[in-house]
Amino acid sequence: MLFHNLAQRYAEVLESIQRITGRRFRRVYIMGGGNQNEVLNRLTGEATGLEVVRAGTECSTLGNFAVQLATMEGHSGPGRARPSARWAKRLKASAR
């Protein structure tokens, strides 16, 4: 029941995003350790009608760390990459 509710909520949120942005999605990327749950992935695909793509399991940790580092670094100016994007790129390169 919990996984059904999660998948349904994903579908609702994605539908809202599509309606607001006017864009249609073809797939949804599931990141972090939770992407290893085949049942949730299947239910998410069924509820959203989208292809479910499993992204890296380390993404949650790297993304969280990048956001924290970027926050300490401050905001970027016009024409500059966002600090979180720069940190995520650095962390991804060092993880290889």
PDB file of N, CA and C in Angstrom:
ATOM      1  N   MET A   1       0.825  -1.200   0.000  1.00  0.00           N
ATOM      2  CA  MET A   1       0.000   0.000   0.000  1.00  0.00           C
ATOM      3  C   MET A   1       0.865   1.259   0.000  1.00  0.00           C
ATOM      4  N   LEU A   2       1.934   1.254   0.784  1.00  0.00           N
ATOM      5  CA  LEU A   2       2.815   2.414   0.850  1.00  0.00           C
ATOM      6  C   LEU A   2       3.417   2.712  -0.518  1.00  0.00           C
ATOM      7  N   PHE A   3       3.919   1.698  -1.203  1.00  0.00           N
ATOM      8  CA  PHE A   3       4.531   1.905  -2.510  1.00  0.00           C
ATOM      9  C   PHE A   3       3.508   2.388  -3.528  1.00  0.00           C
ATOM     10  N   HIS A   4       2.290   1.884  -3.447  1.00  0.00           N
ATOM     11  CA  HIS A   4       1.232   2.352  -4.346  1.00  0.00           C
ATOM     12  C   HIS A   4       0.973   3.846  -4.125  1.00  0.00           C
ATOM     13  N   ASN A   5       0.935   4.252  -2.854  1.00  0.00           N
ATOM     14  CA  ASN A   5       0.708   5.664  -2.526  1.00  0.00           C
ATOM     15  C   ASN A   5       1.858   6.540  -3.011  1.00  0.00           C
ATOM     16  N   LEU A   6       3.099   6.075  -2.827  1.00  0.00           N
ATOM     17  CA  LEU A   6       4.257   6.834  -3.297  1.00  0.00           C
ATOM     18  C   LEU A   6       4.210   7.002  -4.812  1.00  0.00           C
ATOM     19  N   ALA A   7       3.961   5.913  -5.512  1.00  0.00           N
ATOM     20  CA  ALA A   7       3.914   5.961  -6.973  1.00  0.00           C
ATOM     21  C   ALA A   7       2.811   6.902  -7.444  1.00  0.00           C
ATOM     22  N   GLN A   8       1.657   6.853  -6.792  1.00  0.00           N
ATOM     23  CA  GLN A   8       0.553   7.740  -7.166  1.00  0.00           C
ATOM     24  C   GLN A   8       0.913   9.206  -6.922  1.00  0.00           C
ATOM     25  N   ARG A   9       1.604   9.456  -5.828  1.00  0.00           N
ATOM     26  CA  ARG A   9       2.016  10.841  -5.522  1.00  0.00           C
ATOM     27  C   ARG A   9       3.033  11.329  -6.545  1.00  0.00           C
ATOM     28  N   TYR A  10       3.976  10.468  -6.934  1.00  0.00           N
ATOM     29  CA  TYR A  10       4.923  10.833  -7.989  1.00  0.00           C
ATOM     30  C   TYR A  10       4.164  11.238  -9.241  1.00  0.00           C
ATOM     31  N   ALA A  11       3.154  10.444  -9.591  1.00  0.00           N
ATOM     32  CA  ALA A  11       2.363  10.724 -10.793  1.00  0.00           C
ATOM     33  C   ALA A  11       1.663  12.077 -10.678  1.00  0.00           C
ATOM     34  N   GLU A  12       1.095  12.369  -9.524  1.00  0.00           N
ATOM     35  CA  GLU A  12       0.400  13.643  -9.320  1.00  0.00           C
ATOM     36  C   GLU A  12       1.348  14.827  -9.445  1.00  0.00           C
ATOM     37  N   VAL A  13       2.514  14.711  -8.821  1.00  0.00           N
ATOM     38  CA  VAL A  13       3.485  15.810  -8.857  1.00  0.00           C
ATOM     39  C   VAL A  13       4.020  16.006 -10.276  1.00  0.00           C
ATOM     40  N   LEU A  14       4.356  14.913 -10.948  1.00  0.00           N
ATOM     41  CA  LEU A  14       4.857  15.034 -12.321  1.00  0.00           C
ATOM     42  C   LEU A  14       3.808  15.624 -13.249  1.00  0.00           C
ATOM     43  N   GLU A  15       2.550  15.242 -13.068  1.00  0.00           N
ATOM     44  CA  GLU A  15       1.475  15.812 -13.876  1.00  0.00           C
ATOM     45  C   GLU A  15       1.353  17.317 -13.633  1.00  0.00           C
ATOM     46  N   SER A  16       1.471  17.729 -12.384  1.00  0.00           N
ATOM     47  CA  SER A  16       1.425  19.160 -12.055  1.00  0.00           C
ATOM     48  C   SER A  16       2.572  19.911 -12.721  1.00  0.00           C
ATOM     49  N   ILE A  17       3.763  19.341 -12.660  1.00  0.00           N
ATOM     50  CA  ILE A  17       4.929  19.982 -13.276  1.00  0.00           C
ATOM     51  C   ILE A  17       4.730  20.105 -14.779  1.00  0.00           C
ATOM     52  N   GLN A  18       4.213  19.054 -15.398  1.00  0.00           N
ATOM     53  CA  GLN A  18       3.977  19.092 -16.845  1.00  0.00           C
ATOM     54  C   GLN A  18       2.929  20.153 -17.199  1.00  0.00           C
ATOM     55  N   ARG A  19       1.876  20.240 -16.404  1.00  0.00           N
ATOM     56  CA  ARG A  19       0.825  21.216 -16.651  1.00  0.00           C
ATOM     57  C   ARG A  19       1.359  22.648 -16.501  1.00  0.00           C
ATOM     58  N   ILE A  20       2.158  22.874 -15.477  1.00  0.00           N
ATOM     59  CA  ILE A  20       2.690  24.221 -15.213  1.00  0.00           C
ATOM     60  C   ILE A  20       3.703  24.636 -16.275  1.00  0.00           C
ATOM     61  N   THR A  21       4.574  23.706 -16.659  1.00  0.00           N
ATOM     62  CA  THR A  21       5.648  24.046 -17.603  1.00  0.00           C
ATOM     63  C   THR A  21       5.232  23.910 -19.062  1.00  0.00           C
ATOM     64  N   GLY A  22       4.150  23.168 -19.316  1.00  0.00           N
ATOM     65  CA  GLY A  22       3.743  22.934 -20.691  1.00  0.00           C
ATOM     66  C   GLY A  22       4.607  21.909 -21.409  1.00  0.00           C
ATOM     67  N   ARG A  23       5.443  21.220 -20.677  1.00  0.00           N
ATOM     68  CA  ARG A  23       6.322  20.191 -21.258  1.00  0.00           C
ATOM     69  C   ARG A  23       5.773  18.814 -20.946  1.00  0.00           C
ATOM     70  N   ARG A  24       6.021  17.861 -21.841  1.00  0.00           N
ATOM     71  CA  ARG A  24       5.623  16.477 -21.626  1.00  0.00           C
ATOM     72  C   ARG A  24       6.870  15.637 -21.385  1.00  0.00           C
ATOM     73  N   PHE A  25       6.821  14.800 -20.380  1.00  0.00           N
ATOM     74  CA  PHE A  25       7.947  13.943 -20.052  1.00  0.00           C
ATOM     75  C   PHE A  25       7.780  12.583 -20.716  1.00  0.00           C
ATOM     76  N   ARG A  26       8.899  11.972 -21.039  1.00  0.00           N
ATOM     77  CA  ARG A  26       8.892  10.609 -21.577  1.00  0.00           C
ATOM     78  C   ARG A  26       9.417   9.615 -20.561  1.00  0.00           C
ATOM     79  N   ARG A  27      10.214  10.113 -19.629  1.00  0.00           N
ATOM     80  CA  ARG A  27      10.794   9.206 -18.637  1.00  0.00           C
ATOM     81  C   ARG A  27      10.997   9.946 -17.319  1.00  0.00           C
ATOM     82  N   VAL A  28      11.149   9.162 -16.259  1.00  0.00           N
ATOM     83  CA  VAL A  28      11.430   9.702 -14.939  1.00  0.00           C
ATOM     84  C   VAL A  28      12.691   8.999 -14.432  1.00  0.00           C
ATOM     85  N   TYR A  29      13.609   9.765 -13.893  1.00  0.00           N
ATOM     86  CA  TYR A  29      14.865   9.229 -13.371  1.00  0.00           C
ATOM     87  C   TYR A  29      14.734   9.076 -11.864  1.00  0.00           C
ATOM     88  N   ILE A  30      14.982   7.869 -11.391  1.00  0.00           N
ATOM     89  CA  ILE A  30      14.946   7.588  -9.955  1.00  0.00           C
ATOM     90  C   ILE A  30      16.394   7.517  -9.476  1.00  0.00           C
ATOM     91  N   MET A  31      16.737   8.389  -8.523  1.00  0.00           N
ATOM     92  CA  MET A  31      18.121   8.459  -8.055  1.00  0.00           C
ATOM     93  C   MET A  31      18.201   8.041  -6.590  1.00  0.00           C
ATOM     94  N   GLY A  32      19.368   7.637  -6.202  1.00  0.00           N
ATOM     95  CA  GLY A  32      19.610   7.246  -4.822  1.00  0.00           C
ATOM     96  C   GLY A  32      19.356   5.766  -4.617  1.00  0.00           C
ATOM     97  N   GLY A  33      19.580   5.319  -3.419  1.00  0.00           N
ATOM     98  CA  GLY A  33      19.458   3.901  -3.091  1.00  0.00           C
ATOM     99  C   GLY A  33      18.069   3.333  -3.313  1.00  0.00           C
ATOM    100  N   GLY A  34      17.051   4.185  -3.226  1.00  0.00           N
ATOM    101  CA  GLY A  34      15.686   3.722  -3.439  1.00  0.00           C
ATOM    102  C   GLY A  34      15.418   3.215  -4.838  1.00  0.00           C
ATOM    103  N   ASN A  35      16.293   3.548  -5.787  1.00  0.00           N
ATOM    104  CA  ASN A  35      16.068   3.110  -7.164  1.00  0.00           C
ATOM    105  C   ASN A  35      16.274   1.600  -7.320  1.00  0.00           C
ATOM    106  N   GLN A  36      16.746   0.953  -6.305  1.00  0.00           N
ATOM    107  CA  GLN A  36      16.966  -0.492  -6.355  1.00  0.00           C
ATOM    108  C   GLN A  36      15.701  -1.279  -6.015  1.00  0.00           C
ATOM    109  N   ASN A  37      14.638  -0.577  -5.652  1.00  0.00           N
ATOM    110  CA  ASN A  37      13.391  -1.237  -5.307  1.00  0.00           C
ATOM    111  C   ASN A  37      12.573  -1.451  -6.580  1.00  0.00           C
ATOM    112  N   GLU A  38      12.629  -2.662  -7.092  1.00  0.00           N
ATOM    113  CA  GLU A  38      11.965  -2.989  -8.367  1.00  0.00           C
ATOM    114  C   GLU A  38      10.452  -2.815  -8.301  1.00  0.00           C
ATOM    115  N   VAL A  39       9.860  -3.124  -7.160  1.00  0.00           N
ATOM    116  CA  VAL A  39       8.409  -2.988  -7.027  1.00  0.00           C
ATOM    117  C   VAL A  39       8.011  -1.522  -7.148  1.00  0.00           C
ATOM    118  N   LEU A  40       8.703  -0.656  -6.417  1.00  0.00           N
ATOM    119  CA  LEU A  40       8.391   0.777  -6.488  1.00  0.00           C
ATOM    120  C   LEU A  40       8.651   1.320  -7.888  1.00  0.00           C
ATOM    121  N   ASN A  41       9.727   0.882  -8.525  1.00  0.00           N
ATOM    122  CA  ASN A  41      10.009   1.332  -9.894  1.00  0.00           C
ATOM    123  C   ASN A  41       8.886   0.917 -10.842  1.00  0.00           C
ATOM    124  N   ARG A  42       8.435  -0.323 -10.726  1.00  0.00           N
ATOM    125  CA  ARG A  42       7.354  -0.810 -11.595  1.00  0.00           C
ATOM    126  C   ARG A  42       6.065  -0.027 -11.355  1.00  0.00           C
ATOM    127  N   LEU A  43       5.718   0.160 -10.087  1.00  0.00           N
ATOM    128  CA  LEU A  43       4.500   0.900  -9.756  1.00  0.00           C
ATOM    129  C   LEU A  43       4.581   2.349 -10.213  1.00  0.00           C
ATOM    130  N   THR A  44       5.770   2.943 -10.113  1.00  0.00           N
ATOM    131  CA  THR A  44       5.960   4.320 -10.568  1.00  0.00           C
ATOM    132  C   THR A  44       5.742   4.408 -12.077  1.00  0.00           C
ATOM    133  N   GLY A  45       6.290   3.460 -12.805  1.00  0.00           N
ATOM    134  CA  GLY A  45       6.089   3.431 -14.252  1.00  0.00           C
ATOM    135  C   GLY A  45       4.624   3.285 -14.614  1.00  0.00           C
ATOM    136  N   GLU A  46       3.923   2.406 -13.913  1.00  0.00           N
ATOM    137  CA  GLU A  46       2.501   2.189 -14.172  1.00  0.00           C
ATOM    138  C   GLU A  46       1.672   3.429 -13.834  1.00  0.00           C
ATOM    139  N   ALA A  47       1.969   4.073 -12.711  1.00  0.00           N
ATOM    140  CA  ALA A  47       1.189   5.236 -12.274  1.00  0.00           C
ATOM    141  C   ALA A  47       1.435   6.468 -13.140  1.00  0.00           C
ATOM    142  N   THR A  48       2.686   6.627 -13.594  1.00  0.00           N
ATOM    143  CA  THR A  48       3.032   7.826 -14.368  1.00  0.00           C
ATOM    144  C   THR A  48       2.876   7.637 -15.868  1.00  0.00           C
ATOM    145  N   GLY A  49       2.936   6.375 -16.320  1.00  0.00           N
ATOM    146  CA  GLY A  49       2.932   6.113 -17.754  1.00  0.00           C
ATOM    147  C   GLY A  49       4.259   6.461 -18.399  1.00  0.00           C
ATOM    148  N   LEU A  50       5.281   6.651 -17.581  1.00  0.00           N
ATOM    149  CA  LEU A  50       6.603   7.040 -18.068  1.00  0.00           C
ATOM    150  C   LEU A  50       7.591   5.886 -17.929  1.00  0.00           C
ATOM    151  N   GLU A  51       8.621   5.936 -18.757  1.00  0.00           N
ATOM    152  CA  GLU A  51       9.725   4.989 -18.611  1.00  0.00           C
ATOM    153  C   GLU A  51      10.481   5.348 -17.337  1.00  0.00           C
ATOM    154  N   VAL A  52      10.792   4.372 -16.518  1.00  0.00           N
ATOM    155  CA  VAL A  52      11.555   4.594 -15.291  1.00  0.00           C
ATOM    156  C   VAL A  52      13.007   4.243 -15.570  1.00  0.00           C
ATOM    157  N   VAL A  53      13.890   5.216 -15.343  1.00  0.00           N
ATOM    158  CA  VAL A  53      15.321   5.024 -15.557  1.00  0.00           C
ATOM    159  C   VAL A  53      16.004   5.110 -14.199  1.00  0.00           C
ATOM    160  N   ARG A  54      16.753   4.067 -13.879  1.00  0.00           N
ATOM    161  CA  ARG A  54      17.493   4.063 -12.617  1.00  0.00           C
ATOM    162  C   ARG A  54      18.803   4.822 -12.796  1.00  0.00           C
ATOM    163  N   ALA A  55      18.965   5.911 -12.045  1.00  0.00           N
ATOM    164  CA  ALA A  55      20.213   6.681 -12.072  1.00  0.00           C
ATOM    165  C   ALA A  55      21.113   6.151 -10.962  1.00  0.00           C
ATOM    166  N   GLY A  56      22.278   6.730 -10.808  1.00  0.00           N
ATOM    167  CA  GLY A  56      23.252   6.250  -9.824  1.00  0.00           C
ATOM    168  C   GLY A  56      22.727   6.247  -8.408  1.00  0.00           C
ATOM    169  N   THR A  57      23.161   5.249  -7.651  1.00  0.00           N
ATOM    170  CA  THR A  57      22.739   5.163  -6.256  1.00  0.00           C
ATOM    171  C   THR A  57      23.414   6.209  -5.386  1.00  0.00           C
ATOM    172  N   GLU A  58      24.544   6.734  -5.836  1.00  0.00           N
ATOM    173  CA  GLU A  58      25.264   7.719  -5.029  1.00  0.00           C
ATOM    174  C   GLU A  58      24.751   9.136  -5.262  1.00  0.00           C
ATOM    175  N   CYS A  59      23.809   9.319  -6.155  1.00  0.00           N
ATOM    176  CA  CYS A  59      23.337  10.655  -6.525  1.00  0.00           C
ATOM    177  C   CYS A  59      22.775  11.436  -5.345  1.00  0.00           C
ATOM    178  N   SER A  60      22.050  10.784  -4.473  1.00  0.00           N
ATOM    179  CA  SER A  60      21.457  11.488  -3.334  1.00  0.00           C
ATOM    180  C   SER A  60      22.537  12.092  -2.452  1.00  0.00           C
ATOM    181  N   THR A  61      23.540  11.311  -2.156  1.00  0.00           N
ATOM    182  CA  THR A  61      24.621  11.777  -1.294  1.00  0.00           C
ATOM    183  C   THR A  61      25.389  12.898  -1.948  1.00  0.00           C
ATOM    184  N   LEU A  62      25.762  12.706  -3.219  1.00  0.00           N
ATOM    185  CA  LEU A  62      26.528  13.748  -3.917  1.00  0.00           C
ATOM    186  C   LEU A  62      25.719  15.019  -4.073  1.00  0.00           C
ATOM    187  N   GLY A  63      24.454  14.884  -4.420  1.00  0.00           N
ATOM    188  CA  GLY A  63      23.605  16.063  -4.590  1.00  0.00           C
ATOM    189  C   GLY A  63      23.432  16.827  -3.297  1.00  0.00           C
ATOM    190  N   ASN A  64      23.195  16.118  -2.210  1.00  0.00           N
ATOM    191  CA  ASN A  64      23.041  16.738  -0.904  1.00  0.00           C
ATOM    192  C   ASN A  64      24.320  17.466  -0.507  1.00  0.00           C
ATOM    193  N   PHE A  65      25.445  16.805  -0.692  1.00  0.00           N
ATOM    194  CA  PHE A  65      26.727  17.411  -0.354  1.00  0.00           C
ATOM    195  C   PHE A  65      26.996  18.637  -1.211  1.00  0.00           C
ATOM    196  N   ALA A  66      26.685  18.548  -2.511  1.00  0.00           N
ATOM    197  CA  ALA A  66      26.903  19.673  -3.425  1.00  0.00           C
ATOM    198  C   ALA A  66      26.061  20.876  -3.011  1.00  0.00           C
ATOM    199  N   VAL A  67      24.817  20.650  -2.626  1.00  0.00           N
ATOM    200  CA  VAL A  67      23.945  21.746  -2.207  1.00  0.00           C
ATOM    201  C   VAL A  67      24.481  22.397  -0.941  1.00  0.00           C
ATOM    202  N   GLN A  68      24.948  21.582   0.001  1.00  0.00           N
ATOM    203  CA  GLN A  68      25.494  22.140   1.232  1.00  0.00           C
ATOM    204  C   GLN A  68      26.751  22.972   0.951  1.00  0.00           C
ATOM    205  N   LEU A  69      27.637  22.461   0.100  1.00  0.00           N
ATOM    206  CA  LEU A  69      28.848  23.219  -0.243  1.00  0.00           C
ATOM    207  C   LEU A  69      28.500  24.504  -0.978  1.00  0.00           C
ATOM    208  N   ALA A  70      27.545  24.423  -1.889  1.00  0.00           N
ATOM    209  CA  ALA A  70      27.140  25.606  -2.650  1.00  0.00           C
ATOM    210  C   ALA A  70      26.542  26.664  -1.738  1.00  0.00           C
ATOM    211  N   THR A  71      25.794  26.223  -0.750  1.00  0.00           N
ATOM    212  CA  THR A  71      25.192  27.162   0.195  1.00  0.00           C
ATOM    213  C   THR A  71      26.281  27.905   0.960  1.00  0.00           C
ATOM    214  N   MET A  72      27.324  27.193   1.345  1.00  0.00           N
ATOM    215  CA  MET A  72      28.432  27.835   2.058  1.00  0.00           C
ATOM    216  C   MET A  72      29.176  28.792   1.123  1.00  0.00           C
ATOM    217  N   GLU A  73      29.219  28.472  -0.173  1.00  0.00           N
ATOM    218  CA  GLU A  73      29.947  29.285  -1.146  1.00  0.00           C
ATOM    219  C   GLU A  73      29.189  30.555  -1.520  1.00  0.00           C
ATOM    220  N   GLY A  74      27.868  30.534  -1.444  1.00  0.00           N
ATOM    221  CA  GLY A  74      27.074  31.700  -1.817  1.00  0.00           C
ATOM    222  C   GLY A  74      26.451  31.529  -3.179  1.00  0.00           C
ATOM    223  N   HIS A  75      25.731  32.540  -3.599  1.00  0.00           N
ATOM    224  CA  HIS A  75      24.992  32.482  -4.859  1.00  0.00           C
ATOM    225  C   HIS A  75      25.869  32.889  -6.025  1.00  0.00           C
ATOM    226  N   SER A  76      25.504  32.374  -7.196  1.00  0.00           N
ATOM    227  CA  SER A  76      26.260  32.718  -8.401  1.00  0.00           C
ATOM    228  C   SER A  76      25.659  33.951  -9.047  1.00  0.00           C
ATOM    229  N   GLY A  77      26.449  34.614  -9.830  1.00  0.00           N
ATOM    230  CA  GLY A  77      25.979  35.782 -10.563  1.00  0.00           C
ATOM    231  C   GLY A  77      25.525  35.396 -11.954  1.00  0.00           C
ATOM    232  N   PRO A  78      25.020  36.379 -12.709  1.00  0.00           N
ATOM    233  CA  PRO A  78      24.558  36.103 -14.064  1.00  0.00           C
ATOM    234  C   PRO A  78      25.691  35.549 -14.928  1.00  0.00           C
ATOM    235  N   GLY A  79      25.362  34.543 -15.730  1.00  0.00           N
ATOM    236  CA  GLY A  79      26.356  33.977 -16.643  1.00  0.00           C
ATOM    237  C   GLY A  79      27.309  32.988 -16.011  1.00  0.00           C
ATOM    238  N   ARG A  80      27.200  32.771 -14.719  1.00  0.00           N
ATOM    239  CA  ARG A  80      28.070  31.809 -14.039  1.00  0.00           C
ATOM    240  C   ARG A  80      27.283  30.562 -13.720  1.00  0.00           C
ATOM    241  N   ALA A  81      27.968  29.431 -13.691  1.00  0.00           N
ATOM    242  CA  ALA A  81      27.308  28.181 -13.317  1.00  0.00           C
ATOM    243  C   ALA A  81      26.880  28.270 -11.859  1.00  0.00           C
ATOM    244  N   ARG A  82      25.772  27.671 -11.552  1.00  0.00           N
ATOM    245  CA  ARG A  82      25.317  27.659 -10.166  1.00  0.00           C
ATOM    246  C   ARG A  82      26.340  26.911  -9.324  1.00  0.00           C
ATOM    247  N   PRO A  83      26.593  27.373  -8.102  1.00  0.00           N
ATOM    248  CA  PRO A  83      27.576  26.687  -7.256  1.00  0.00           C
ATOM    249  C   PRO A  83      27.272  25.206  -7.071  1.00  0.00           C
ATOM    250  N   SER A  84      26.002  24.832  -6.914  1.00  0.00           N
ATOM    251  CA  SER A  84      25.678  23.427  -6.719  1.00  0.00           C
ATOM    252  C   SER A  84      26.045  22.603  -7.942  1.00  0.00           C
ATOM    253  N   ALA A  85      25.864  23.168  -9.136  1.00  0.00           N
ATOM    254  CA  ALA A  85      26.228  22.452 -10.361  1.00  0.00           C
ATOM    255  C   ALA A  85      27.739  22.266 -10.442  1.00  0.00           C
ATOM    256  N   ARG A  86      28.488  23.300 -10.073  1.00  0.00           N
ATOM    257  CA  ARG A  86      29.954  23.189 -10.093  1.00  0.00           C
ATOM    258  C   ARG A  86      30.426  22.136  -9.103  1.00  0.00           C
ATOM    259  N   TRP A  87      29.868  22.148  -7.887  1.00  0.00           N
ATOM    260  CA  TRP A  87      30.279  21.173  -6.889  1.00  0.00           C
ATOM    261  C   TRP A  87      29.875  19.766  -7.289  1.00  0.00           C
ATOM    262  N   ALA A  88      28.692  19.600  -7.861  1.00  0.00           N
ATOM    263  CA  ALA A  88      28.254  18.268  -8.283  1.00  0.00           C
ATOM    264  C   ALA A  88      29.201  17.728  -9.358  1.00  0.00           C
ATOM    265  N   LYS A  89      29.622  18.595 -10.272  1.00  0.00           N
ATOM    266  CA  LYS A  89      30.546  18.177 -11.328  1.00  0.00           C
ATOM    267  C   LYS A  89      31.883  17.765 -10.721  1.00  0.00           C
ATOM    268  N   ARG A  90      32.379  18.530  -9.761  1.00  0.00           N
ATOM    269  CA  ARG A  90      33.649  18.195  -9.107  1.00  0.00           C
ATOM    270  C   ARG A  90      33.549  16.868  -8.348  1.00  0.00           C
ATOM    271  N   LEU A  91      32.462  16.693  -7.614  1.00  0.00           N
ATOM    272  CA  LEU A  91      32.286  15.479  -6.823  1.00  0.00           C
ATOM    273  C   LEU A  91      32.140  14.254  -7.716  1.00  0.00           C
ATOM    274  N   LYS A  92      31.423  14.408  -8.815  1.00  0.00           N
ATOM    275  CA  LYS A  92      31.248  13.294  -9.733  1.00  0.00           C
ATOM    276  C   LYS A  92      32.588  12.891 -10.340  1.00  0.00           C
ATOM    277  N   ALA A  93      33.411  13.875 -10.716  1.00  0.00           N
ATOM    278  CA  ALA A  93      34.714  13.596 -11.292  1.00  0.00           C
ATOM    279  C   ALA A  93      35.624  12.906 -10.273  1.00  0.00           C
ATOM    280  N   SER A  94      35.556  13.328  -9.029  1.00  0.00           N
ATOM    281  CA  SER A  94      36.444  12.730  -8.020  1.00  0.00           C
ATOM    282  C   SER A  94      35.978  11.340  -7.602  1.00  0.00           C
ATOM    283  N   ALA A  95      34.696  11.002  -7.854  1.00  0.00           N
ATOM    284  CA  ALA A  95      34.175   9.697  -7.485  1.00  0.00           C
ATOM    285  C   ALA A  95      34.596   8.608  -8.472  1.00  0.00           C
ATOM    286  N   ARG A  96      35.088   9.010  -9.624  1.00  0.00           N
ATOM    287  CA  ARG A  96      35.472   8.025 -10.650  1.00  0.00           C
ATOM    288  C   ARG A  96      36.752   7.339 -10.313  1.00  0.00           C
TER     289      ARG A  96
END
